[in-house]
Amino acid sequence: MLVTINTKLPLPLITSETESPIIVVCSHERSGTHHMMNTLSLNSDYCADPFINFDLNPISAYVNFFHPQGVEGFFQKLIGIEHKSSRLFVRSIVKSHHDADCFRLLMGSKNVYFVYMLRDPLSVMESFWKFIHRWEWSEGPKTSSLAEFVLAPPRGQLMRYQSDTYPSMIDRWCAHADKWLLAAEEFNNVIPVEQEALSLSPEPTISKIARITGISVNEEIVEASKESYITGADLHTEVHDREVAREIIFNHLRKTNCLSETLKNRFSNLY
């Protein structure tokens, strides 16, 4: 007996009849993605609930992440949603951890803007190490120490976000940041944001995004909660382990041939 099961998942999103660009918040995992989304949601007409999760669930039912033309086609559908006699514009924020290669045909678009979150790699690695231990499945390398995690090769489900292979988690982070920052140097629709700057004072960051994208924001910027995200496992990082991880990252960044001037300059001030 032939049975057909509809596997396509629903994609709820908020729209408006007022013309507006699509906003995509991108980052390497554990870099302040939800903090940015929630800050934008509190201070503009854009919405973080529901947001569009550009991930396996549910987007892989609609688009192949490794086919740039397919990714572009998906966003073109979001740009021009026809409903009855109206044209609707998406106000749900799109969230993604993919590297810049995934969106290369959308670079330079006037209808899609990417906000790229950049965070201190030691904090990223420590948070990500704990996050991966939270899950029963193989999300990534589950090592006994933070220092081992920094040098471990990427594996498991996290590899869905990368278009290349890397010898270590810190190599993966470097490539992710480098690709996005190079895109920001070339294209006006890629806006890099430092997570630390957003945490210290959101007003300049949100004002900058509003100026570049043309979206309207509140006159008085409200700070979003920094606690609204999925927490990692309750692991304790030993002081010595964190210092070893810091030294590994420092030595790696010093030797890495990054192309982005922004990344080079940031590296020189990190440690």
C-alpha atoms as a PDB file:
ATOM      1  CA  MET A   1       0.000   0.000   0.000  1.00  0.00           C
ATOM      2  CA  LEU A   2       1.387   3.376  -1.030  1.00  0.00           C
ATOM      3  CA  VAL A   3       1.120   5.993   1.724  1.00  0.00           C
ATOM      4  CA  THR A   4       2.203   9.631   1.340  1.00  0.00           C
ATOM      5  CA  ILE A   5       3.306  11.546   4.420  1.00  0.00           C
ATOM      6  CA  ASN A   6       3.569  15.334   4.212  1.00  0.00           C
ATOM      7  CA  THR A   7       6.962  16.066   5.818  1.00  0.00           C
ATOM      8  CA  LYS A   8       7.054  19.811   5.226  1.00  0.00           C
ATOM      9  CA  LEU A   9       6.848  21.646   8.532  1.00  0.00           C
ATOM     10  CA  PRO A  10       4.877  24.883   8.989  1.00  0.00           C
ATOM     11  CA  LEU A  11       6.847  28.122   8.936  1.00  0.00           C
ATOM     12  CA  PRO A  12       5.074  30.727  11.094  1.00  0.00           C
ATOM     13  CA  LEU A  13       6.265  34.300  10.601  1.00  0.00           C
ATOM     14  CA  ILE A  14       5.204  37.875  11.256  1.00  0.00           C
ATOM     15  CA  THR A  15       4.594  40.181   8.290  1.00  0.00           C
ATOM     16  CA  SER A  16       3.656  43.785   7.642  1.00  0.00           C
ATOM     17  CA  GLU A  17       2.249  45.673   4.688  1.00  0.00           C
ATOM     18  CA  THR A  18       4.887  48.359   5.236  1.00  0.00           C
ATOM     19  CA  GLU A  19       7.908  47.831   2.984  1.00  0.00           C
ATOM     20  CA  SER A  20      10.974  46.694   4.922  1.00  0.00           C
ATOM     21  CA  PRO A  21      14.096  44.569   4.370  1.00  0.00           C
ATOM     22  CA  ILE A  22      14.653  41.096   5.784  1.00  0.00           C
ATOM     23  CA  ILE A  23      16.990  41.121   8.798  1.00  0.00           C
ATOM     24  CA  VAL A  24      19.222  38.065   9.316  1.00  0.00           C
ATOM     25  CA  VAL A  25      21.199  37.757  12.556  1.00  0.00           C
ATOM     26  CA  CYS A  26      24.183  35.476  11.953  1.00  0.00           C
ATOM     27  CA  SER A  27      27.018  34.263  14.149  1.00  0.00           C
ATOM     28  CA  HIS A  28      29.268  31.420  15.117  1.00  0.00           C
ATOM     29  CA  GLU A  29      27.453  29.463  17.807  1.00  0.00           C
ATOM     30  CA  ARG A  30      27.414  31.044  21.307  1.00  0.00           C
ATOM     31  CA  SER A  31      28.193  34.576  20.163  1.00  0.00           C
ATOM     32  CA  GLY A  32      25.206  36.575  21.387  1.00  0.00           C
ATOM     33  CA  THR A  33      22.736  35.759  18.616  1.00  0.00           C
ATOM     34  CA  HIS A  34      19.601  35.757  20.773  1.00  0.00           C
ATOM     35  CA  HIS A  35      20.724  38.842  22.682  1.00  0.00           C
ATOM     36  CA  MET A  36      20.863  40.747  19.395  1.00  0.00           C
ATOM     37  CA  MET A  37      17.553  39.324  18.179  1.00  0.00           C
ATOM     38  CA  ASN A  38      15.804  40.223  21.432  1.00  0.00           C
ATOM     39  CA  THR A  39      17.325  43.714  21.444  1.00  0.00           C
ATOM     40  CA  LEU A  40      16.096  44.362  17.896  1.00  0.00           C
ATOM     41  CA  SER A  41      12.688  42.956  18.791  1.00  0.00           C
ATOM     42  CA  LEU A  42      12.341  45.267  21.811  1.00  0.00           C
ATOM     43  CA  ASN A  43      13.398  48.362  19.887  1.00  0.00           C
ATOM     44  CA  SER A  44      11.795  47.972  16.450  1.00  0.00           C
ATOM     45  CA  ASP A  45       8.873  46.420  14.593  1.00  0.00           C
ATOM     46  CA  TYR A  46      10.940  43.286  13.958  1.00  0.00           C
ATOM     47  CA  CYS A  47      10.028  40.161  15.856  1.00  0.00           C
ATOM     48  CA  ALA A  48      12.078  37.513  17.682  1.00  0.00           C
ATOM     49  CA  ASP A  49       9.011  35.413  18.514  1.00  0.00           C
ATOM     50  CA  PRO A  50       8.416  33.767  16.174  1.00  0.00           C
ATOM     51  CA  PHE A  51      11.777  34.073  14.458  1.00  0.00           C
ATOM     52  CA  ILE A  52      12.744  32.144  11.327  1.00  0.00           C
ATOM     53  CA  ASN A  53      15.237  29.482  12.366  1.00  0.00           C
ATOM     54  CA  PHE A  54      17.447  28.965   9.301  1.00  0.00           C
ATOM     55  CA  ASP A  55      18.423  25.489  10.451  1.00  0.00           C
ATOM     56  CA  LEU A  56      17.605  21.816   9.959  1.00  0.00           C
ATOM     57  CA  ASN A  57      14.243  22.279  11.636  1.00  0.00           C
ATOM     58  CA  PRO A  58      12.302  23.455   9.732  1.00  0.00           C
ATOM     59  CA  ILE A  59      14.190  25.135   6.890  1.00  0.00           C
ATOM     60  CA  SER A  60      15.846  22.008   5.473  1.00  0.00           C
ATOM     61  CA  ALA A  61      12.359  20.962   4.360  1.00  0.00           C
ATOM     62  CA  TYR A  62      12.389  23.963   2.007  1.00  0.00           C
ATOM     63  CA  VAL A  63      15.991  24.691   1.002  1.00  0.00           C
ATOM     64  CA  ASN A  64      19.388  23.049   0.484  1.00  0.00           C
ATOM     65  CA  PHE A  65      21.924  25.000   2.598  1.00  0.00           C
ATOM     66  CA  PHE A  66      24.753  24.059   0.243  1.00  0.00           C
ATOM     67  CA  HIS A  67      23.048  25.320  -2.918  1.00  0.00           C
ATOM     68  CA  PRO A  68      23.491  29.121  -3.064  1.00  0.00           C
ATOM     69  CA  GLN A  69      20.870  29.451  -5.801  1.00  0.00           C
ATOM     70  CA  GLY A  70      18.392  27.557  -3.618  1.00  0.00           C
ATOM     71  CA  VAL A  71      19.154  29.779  -0.624  1.00  0.00           C
ATOM     72  CA  GLU A  72      18.699  32.873  -2.795  1.00  0.00           C
ATOM     73  CA  GLY A  73      15.413  31.480  -4.141  1.00  0.00           C
ATOM     74  CA  PHE A  74      14.107  30.891  -0.610  1.00  0.00           C
ATOM     75  CA  PHE A  75      14.839  34.486   0.392  1.00  0.00           C
ATOM     76  CA  GLN A  76      13.298  35.797  -2.817  1.00  0.00           C
ATOM     77  CA  LYS A  77      10.073  34.085  -1.761  1.00  0.00           C
ATOM     78  CA  LEU A  78      10.281  35.826   1.615  1.00  0.00           C
ATOM     79  CA  ILE A  79      10.924  39.184  -0.051  1.00  0.00           C
ATOM     80  CA  GLY A  80       7.815  39.012  -2.205  1.00  0.00           C
ATOM     81  CA  ILE A  81       4.989  37.342  -0.274  1.00  0.00           C
ATOM     82  CA  GLU A  82       1.702  37.909  -2.077  1.00  0.00           C
ATOM     83  CA  HIS A  83      -1.404  37.583   0.104  1.00  0.00           C
ATOM     84  CA  LYS A  84      -4.769  38.269  -1.529  1.00  0.00           C
ATOM     85  CA  SER A  85      -4.374  41.759  -2.999  1.00  0.00           C
ATOM     86  CA  SER A  86      -1.484  42.811  -0.749  1.00  0.00           C
ATOM     87  CA  ARG A  87       2.265  42.369  -0.762  1.00  0.00           C
ATOM     88  CA  LEU A  88       3.572  41.383   2.670  1.00  0.00           C
ATOM     89  CA  PHE A  89       7.024  42.056   4.112  1.00  0.00           C
ATOM     90  CA  VAL A  90       8.638  39.712   6.622  1.00  0.00           C
ATOM     91  CA  ARG A  91       9.207  41.146  10.095  1.00  0.00           C
ATOM     92  CA  SER A  92      10.290  37.907  11.784  1.00  0.00           C
ATOM     93  CA  ILE A  93      14.047  37.985  12.302  1.00  0.00           C
ATOM     94  CA  VAL A  94      15.973  35.219  10.543  1.00  0.00           C
ATOM     95  CA  LYS A  95      18.574  33.426  12.694  1.00  0.00           C
ATOM     96  CA  SER A  96      21.532  31.513  11.250  1.00  0.00           C
ATOM     97  CA  HIS A  97      24.899  30.058  12.260  1.00  0.00           C
ATOM     98  CA  HIS A  98      25.968  29.236   8.691  1.00  0.00           C
ATOM     99  CA  ASP A  99      29.160  30.657   7.291  1.00  0.00           C
ATOM    100  CA  ALA A 100      29.080  33.438   4.718  1.00  0.00           C
ATOM    101  CA  ASP A 101      29.462  31.032   1.775  1.00  0.00           C
ATOM    102  CA  CYS A 102      25.867  29.923   2.307  1.00  0.00           C
ATOM    103  CA  PHE A 103      24.541  33.399   1.458  1.00  0.00           C
ATOM    104  CA  ARG A 104      27.018  34.492  -1.200  1.00  0.00           C
ATOM    105  CA  LEU A 105      24.354  35.237  -3.835  1.00  0.00           C
ATOM    106  CA  LEU A 106      22.579  37.563  -1.373  1.00  0.00           C
ATOM    107  CA  MET A 107      25.660  39.666  -0.660  1.00  0.00           C
ATOM    108  CA  GLY A 108      24.998  43.226  -1.820  1.00  0.00           C
ATOM    109  CA  SER A 109      21.196  42.778  -1.760  1.00  0.00           C
ATOM    110  CA  LYS A 110      19.114  45.826  -0.874  1.00  0.00           C
ATOM    111  CA  ASN A 111      16.320  43.606   0.439  1.00  0.00           C
ATOM    112  CA  VAL A 112      18.310  41.450   2.895  1.00  0.00           C
ATOM    113  CA  TYR A 113      20.668  42.693   5.630  1.00  0.00           C
ATOM    114  CA  PHE A 114      22.965  40.487   7.687  1.00  0.00           C
ATOM    115  CA  VAL A 115      23.934  41.424  11.250  1.00  0.00           C
ATOM    116  CA  TYR A 116      27.033  39.398  12.136  1.00  0.00           C
ATOM    117  CA  MET A 117      27.771  38.880  15.829  1.00  0.00           C
ATOM    118  CA  LEU A 118      31.443  38.608  16.806  1.00  0.00           C
ATOM    119  CA  ARG A 119      32.522  37.548  20.306  1.00  0.00           C
ATOM    120  CA  ASP A 120      35.819  36.925  22.086  1.00  0.00           C
ATOM    121  CA  PRO A 121      36.828  33.383  20.999  1.00  0.00           C
ATOM    122  CA  LEU A 122      37.784  32.206  24.493  1.00  0.00           C
ATOM    123  CA  SER A 123      34.277  33.006  25.755  1.00  0.00           C
ATOM    124  CA  VAL A 124      32.797  31.381  22.641  1.00  0.00           C
ATOM    125  CA  MET A 125      34.816  28.193  23.111  1.00  0.00           C
ATOM    126  CA  GLU A 126      33.997  27.919  26.820  1.00  0.00           C
ATOM    127  CA  SER A 127      30.277  28.460  26.274  1.00  0.00           C
ATOM    128  CA  PHE A 128      30.203  26.105  23.278  1.00  0.00           C
ATOM    129  CA  TRP A 129      32.074  23.365  25.182  1.00  0.00           C
ATOM    130  CA  LYS A 130      29.385  23.423  27.877  1.00  0.00           C
ATOM    131  CA  PHE A 131      26.579  23.697  25.312  1.00  0.00           C
ATOM    132  CA  ILE A 132      27.648  20.567  23.434  1.00  0.00           C
ATOM    133  CA  HIS A 133      27.704  18.554  26.666  1.00  0.00           C
ATOM    134  CA  ARG A 134      24.058  19.487  27.215  1.00  0.00           C
ATOM    135  CA  TRP A 135      22.779  17.227  24.417  1.00  0.00           C
ATOM    136  CA  GLU A 136      22.489  13.433  24.358  1.00  0.00           C
ATOM    137  CA  TRP A 137      23.330  13.256  20.653  1.00  0.00           C
ATOM    138  CA  SER A 138      26.586  14.061  18.877  1.00  0.00           C
ATOM    139  CA  GLU A 139      26.318  17.822  18.454  1.00  0.00           C
ATOM    140  CA  GLY A 140      30.123  18.191  18.493  1.00  0.00           C
ATOM    141  CA  PRO A 141      33.268  16.989  20.263  1.00  0.00           C
ATOM    142  CA  LYS A 142      32.605  16.148  23.926  1.00  0.00           C
ATOM    143  CA  THR A 143      36.000  16.521  25.567  1.00  0.00           C
ATOM    144  CA  SER A 144      36.921  16.335  29.234  1.00  0.00           C
ATOM    145  CA  SER A 145      38.506  19.798  29.243  1.00  0.00           C
ATOM    146  CA  LEU A 146      38.105  23.171  27.566  1.00  0.00           C
ATOM    147  CA  ALA A 147      41.676  23.105  26.246  1.00  0.00           C
ATOM    148  CA  GLU A 148      41.032  19.762  24.544  1.00  0.00           C
ATOM    149  CA  PHE A 149      37.844  21.144  23.024  1.00  0.00           C
ATOM    150  CA  VAL A 150      39.654  24.109  21.466  1.00  0.00           C
ATOM    151  CA  LEU A 151      41.997  21.722  19.613  1.00  0.00           C
ATOM    152  CA  ALA A 152      39.412  19.014  18.833  1.00  0.00           C
ATOM    153  CA  PRO A 153      38.346  18.557  15.192  1.00  0.00           C
ATOM    154  CA  PRO A 154      34.721  19.509  14.471  1.00  0.00           C
ATOM    155  CA  ARG A 155      32.334  16.572  14.345  1.00  0.00           C
ATOM    156  CA  GLY A 156      28.673  15.696  14.684  1.00  0.00           C
ATOM    157  CA  GLN A 157      25.633  17.814  13.932  1.00  0.00           C
ATOM    158  CA  LEU A 158      27.428  21.189  14.208  1.00  0.00           C
ATOM    159  CA  MET A 159      29.075  20.461  10.852  1.00  0.00           C
ATOM    160  CA  ARG A 160      25.816  21.386   9.122  1.00  0.00           C
ATOM    161  CA  TYR A 161      26.847  25.040   9.358  1.00  0.00           C
ATOM    162  CA  GLN A 162      30.258  24.811   7.682  1.00  0.00           C
ATOM    163  CA  SER A 163      31.151  24.590   3.994  1.00  0.00           C
ATOM    164  CA  ASP A 164      34.752  23.389   4.572  1.00  0.00           C
ATOM    165  CA  THR A 165      36.567  21.009   6.912  1.00  0.00           C
ATOM    166  CA  TYR A 166      38.842  22.301   9.696  1.00  0.00           C
ATOM    167  CA  PRO A 167      41.508  20.649  11.863  1.00  0.00           C
ATOM    168  CA  SER A 168      40.185  22.161  15.116  1.00  0.00           C
ATOM    169  CA  MET A 169      37.318  24.065  16.673  1.00  0.00           C
ATOM    170  CA  ILE A 170      39.403  27.235  16.892  1.00  0.00           C
ATOM    171  CA  ASP A 171      40.263  26.925  13.184  1.00  0.00           C
ATOM    172  CA  ARG A 172      36.540  26.641  12.492  1.00  0.00           C
ATOM    173  CA  TRP A 173      35.842  29.787  14.537  1.00  0.00           C
ATOM    174  CA  CYS A 174      38.592  31.732  12.754  1.00  0.00           C
ATOM    175  CA  ALA A 175      37.295  30.772   9.315  1.00  0.00           C
ATOM    176  CA  HIS A 176      33.707  31.645  10.242  1.00  0.00           C
ATOM    177  CA  ALA A 177      34.649  35.094  11.538  1.00  0.00           C
ATOM    178  CA  ASP A 178      37.092  35.743   8.703  1.00  0.00           C
ATOM    179  CA  LYS A 179      34.586  34.940   5.943  1.00  0.00           C
ATOM    180  CA  TRP A 180      31.861  37.126   7.446  1.00  0.00           C
ATOM    181  CA  LEU A 181      34.160  40.064   8.153  1.00  0.00           C
ATOM    182  CA  LEU A 182      35.606  39.916   4.643  1.00  0.00           C
ATOM    183  CA  ALA A 183      32.026  40.042   3.345  1.00  0.00           C
ATOM    184  CA  ALA A 184      31.386  43.090   5.559  1.00  0.00           C
ATOM    185  CA  GLU A 185      34.405  44.850   4.080  1.00  0.00           C
ATOM    186  CA  GLU A 186      33.038  44.260   0.569  1.00  0.00           C
ATOM    187  CA  PHE A 187      29.259  44.515   0.929  1.00  0.00           C
ATOM    188  CA  ASN A 188      27.142  47.210   2.603  1.00  0.00           C
ATOM    189  CA  ASN A 189      24.423  44.755   3.643  1.00  0.00           C
ATOM    190  CA  VAL A 190      26.709  42.911   6.100  1.00  0.00           C
ATOM    191  CA  ILE A 191      26.947  44.674   9.471  1.00  0.00           C
ATOM    192  CA  PRO A 192      29.490  43.331  11.990  1.00  0.00           C
ATOM    193  CA  VAL A 193      28.625  43.807  15.671  1.00  0.00           C
ATOM    194  CA  GLU A 194      30.801  42.986  18.656  1.00  0.00           C
ATOM    195  CA  GLN A 195      28.830  41.140  21.322  1.00  0.00           C
ATOM    196  CA  GLU A 196      30.733  42.911  24.066  1.00  0.00           C
ATOM    197  CA  ALA A 197      29.769  46.336  22.655  1.00  0.00           C
ATOM    198  CA  LEU A 198      26.098  45.347  22.484  1.00  0.00           C
ATOM    199  CA  SER A 199      26.213  44.188  26.112  1.00  0.00           C
ATOM    200  CA  LEU A 200      27.896  47.342  27.382  1.00  0.00           C
ATOM    201  CA  SER A 201      25.747  49.852  25.505  1.00  0.00           C
ATOM    202  CA  PRO A 202      23.074  48.774  22.981  1.00  0.00           C
ATOM    203  CA  GLU A 203      22.155  52.284  21.786  1.00  0.00           C
ATOM    204  CA  PRO A 204      25.104  52.917  19.400  1.00  0.00           C
ATOM    205  CA  THR A 205      24.801  49.431  17.914  1.00  0.00           C
ATOM    206  CA  ILE A 206      21.044  49.582  17.283  1.00  0.00           C
ATOM    207  CA  SER A 207      21.337  53.121  15.912  1.00  0.00           C
ATOM    208  CA  LYS A 208      24.047  51.948  13.501  1.00  0.00           C
ATOM    209  CA  ILE A 209      21.875  49.057  12.275  1.00  0.00           C
ATOM    210  CA  ALA A 210      18.914  51.421  11.812  1.00  0.00           C
ATOM    211  CA  ARG A 211      21.032  53.898   9.857  1.00  0.00           C
ATOM    212  CA  ILE A 212      22.393  51.261   7.460  1.00  0.00           C
ATOM    213  CA  THR A 213      19.191  49.264   6.940  1.00  0.00           C
ATOM    214  CA  GLY A 214      16.722  52.140   7.009  1.00  0.00           C
ATOM    215  CA  ILE A 215      14.491  50.440   9.591  1.00  0.00           C
ATOM    216  CA  SER A 216      12.740  52.449  12.302  1.00  0.00           C
ATOM    217  CA  VAL A 217      13.775  51.981  15.924  1.00  0.00           C
ATOM    218  CA  ASN A 218      12.651  53.450  19.250  1.00  0.00           C
ATOM    219  CA  GLU A 219      13.979  56.864  20.231  1.00  0.00           C
ATOM    220  CA  GLU A 220      14.938  55.419  23.601  1.00  0.00           C
ATOM    221  CA  ILE A 221      16.717  52.090  23.225  1.00  0.00           C
ATOM    222  CA  VAL A 222      15.677  49.423  25.743  1.00  0.00           C
ATOM    223  CA  GLU A 223      18.199  46.789  26.845  1.00  0.00           C
ATOM    224  CA  ALA A 224      17.155  43.169  26.325  1.00  0.00           C
ATOM    225  CA  SER A 225      17.764  40.427  28.852  1.00  0.00           C
ATOM    226  CA  LYS A 226      21.123  38.702  28.461  1.00  0.00           C
ATOM    227  CA  GLU A 227      19.746  35.491  29.961  1.00  0.00           C
ATOM    228  CA  SER A 228      17.289  34.501  27.220  1.00  0.00           C
ATOM    229  CA  TYR A 229      19.172  31.677  25.525  1.00  0.00           C
ATOM    230  CA  ILE A 230      19.682  27.916  25.815  1.00  0.00           C
ATOM    231  CA  THR A 231      22.138  27.279  28.624  1.00  0.00           C
ATOM    232  CA  GLY A 232      24.898  24.695  28.498  1.00  0.00           C
ATOM    233  CA  ALA A 233      25.665  21.805  30.820  1.00  0.00           C
ATOM    234  CA  ASP A 234      26.643  22.632  34.381  1.00  0.00           C
ATOM    235  CA  LEU A 235      30.390  22.130  33.865  1.00  0.00           C
ATOM    236  CA  HIS A 236      33.028  23.882  35.930  1.00  0.00           C
ATOM    237  CA  THR A 237      36.042  25.289  34.085  1.00  0.00           C
ATOM    238  CA  GLU A 238      39.215  24.930  36.138  1.00  0.00           C
ATOM    239  CA  VAL A 239      41.374  28.073  36.257  1.00  0.00           C
ATOM    240  CA  HIS A 240      44.385  26.204  34.869  1.00  0.00           C
ATOM    241  CA  ASP A 241      42.323  24.680  32.056  1.00  0.00           C
ATOM    242  CA  ARG A 242      41.009  28.116  31.045  1.00  0.00           C
ATOM    243  CA  GLU A 243      44.528  29.571  31.070  1.00  0.00           C
ATOM    244  CA  VAL A 244      45.805  26.722  28.878  1.00  0.00           C
ATOM    245  CA  ALA A 245      42.902  27.274  26.474  1.00  0.00           C
ATOM    246  CA  ARG A 246      43.657  30.998  26.411  1.00  0.00           C
ATOM    247  CA  GLU A 247      47.299  30.314  25.543  1.00  0.00           C
ATOM    248  CA  ILE A 248      46.311  27.876  22.794  1.00  0.00           C
ATOM    249  CA  ILE A 249      43.954  30.441  21.262  1.00  0.00           C
ATOM    250  CA  PHE A 250      46.515  33.234  21.541  1.00  0.00           C
ATOM    251  CA  ASN A 251      49.231  31.186  19.830  1.00  0.00           C
ATOM    252  CA  HIS A 252      46.835  30.016  17.165  1.00  0.00           C
ATOM    253  CA  LEU A 253      45.548  33.484  16.333  1.00  0.00           C
ATOM    254  CA  ARG A 254      49.086  34.828  16.159  1.00  0.00           C
ATOM    255  CA  LYS A 255      49.999  32.227  13.537  1.00  0.00           C
ATOM    256  CA  THR A 256      46.731  32.177  11.598  1.00  0.00           C
ATOM    257  CA  ASN A 257      46.781  33.915   8.227  1.00  0.00           C
ATOM    258  CA  CYS A 258      43.491  35.817   8.504  1.00  0.00           C
ATOM    259  CA  LEU A 259      42.575  37.998   5.549  1.00  0.00           C
ATOM    260  CA  SER A 260      40.196  40.392   7.269  1.00  0.00           C
ATOM    261  CA  GLU A 261      41.829  43.535   8.626  1.00  0.00           C
ATOM    262  CA  THR A 262      39.051  43.770  11.227  1.00  0.00           C
ATOM    263  CA  LEU A 263      39.918  40.338  12.542  1.00  0.00           C
ATOM    264  CA  LYS A 264      43.654  41.066  12.551  1.00  0.00           C
ATOM    265  CA  ASN A 265      43.127  44.263  14.512  1.00  0.00           C
ATOM    266  CA  ARG A 266      40.767  42.602  16.959  1.00  0.00           C
ATOM    267  CA  PHE A 267      43.208  39.752  17.537  1.00  0.00           C
ATOM    268  CA  SER A 268      45.978  42.170  18.448  1.00  0.00           C
ATOM    269  CA  ASN A 269      43.834  43.626  21.245  1.00  0.00           C
ATOM    270  CA  LEU A 270      42.261  40.436  22.565  1.00  0.00           C
ATOM    271  CA  TYR A 271      44.934  39.096  24.873  1.00  0.00           C
END
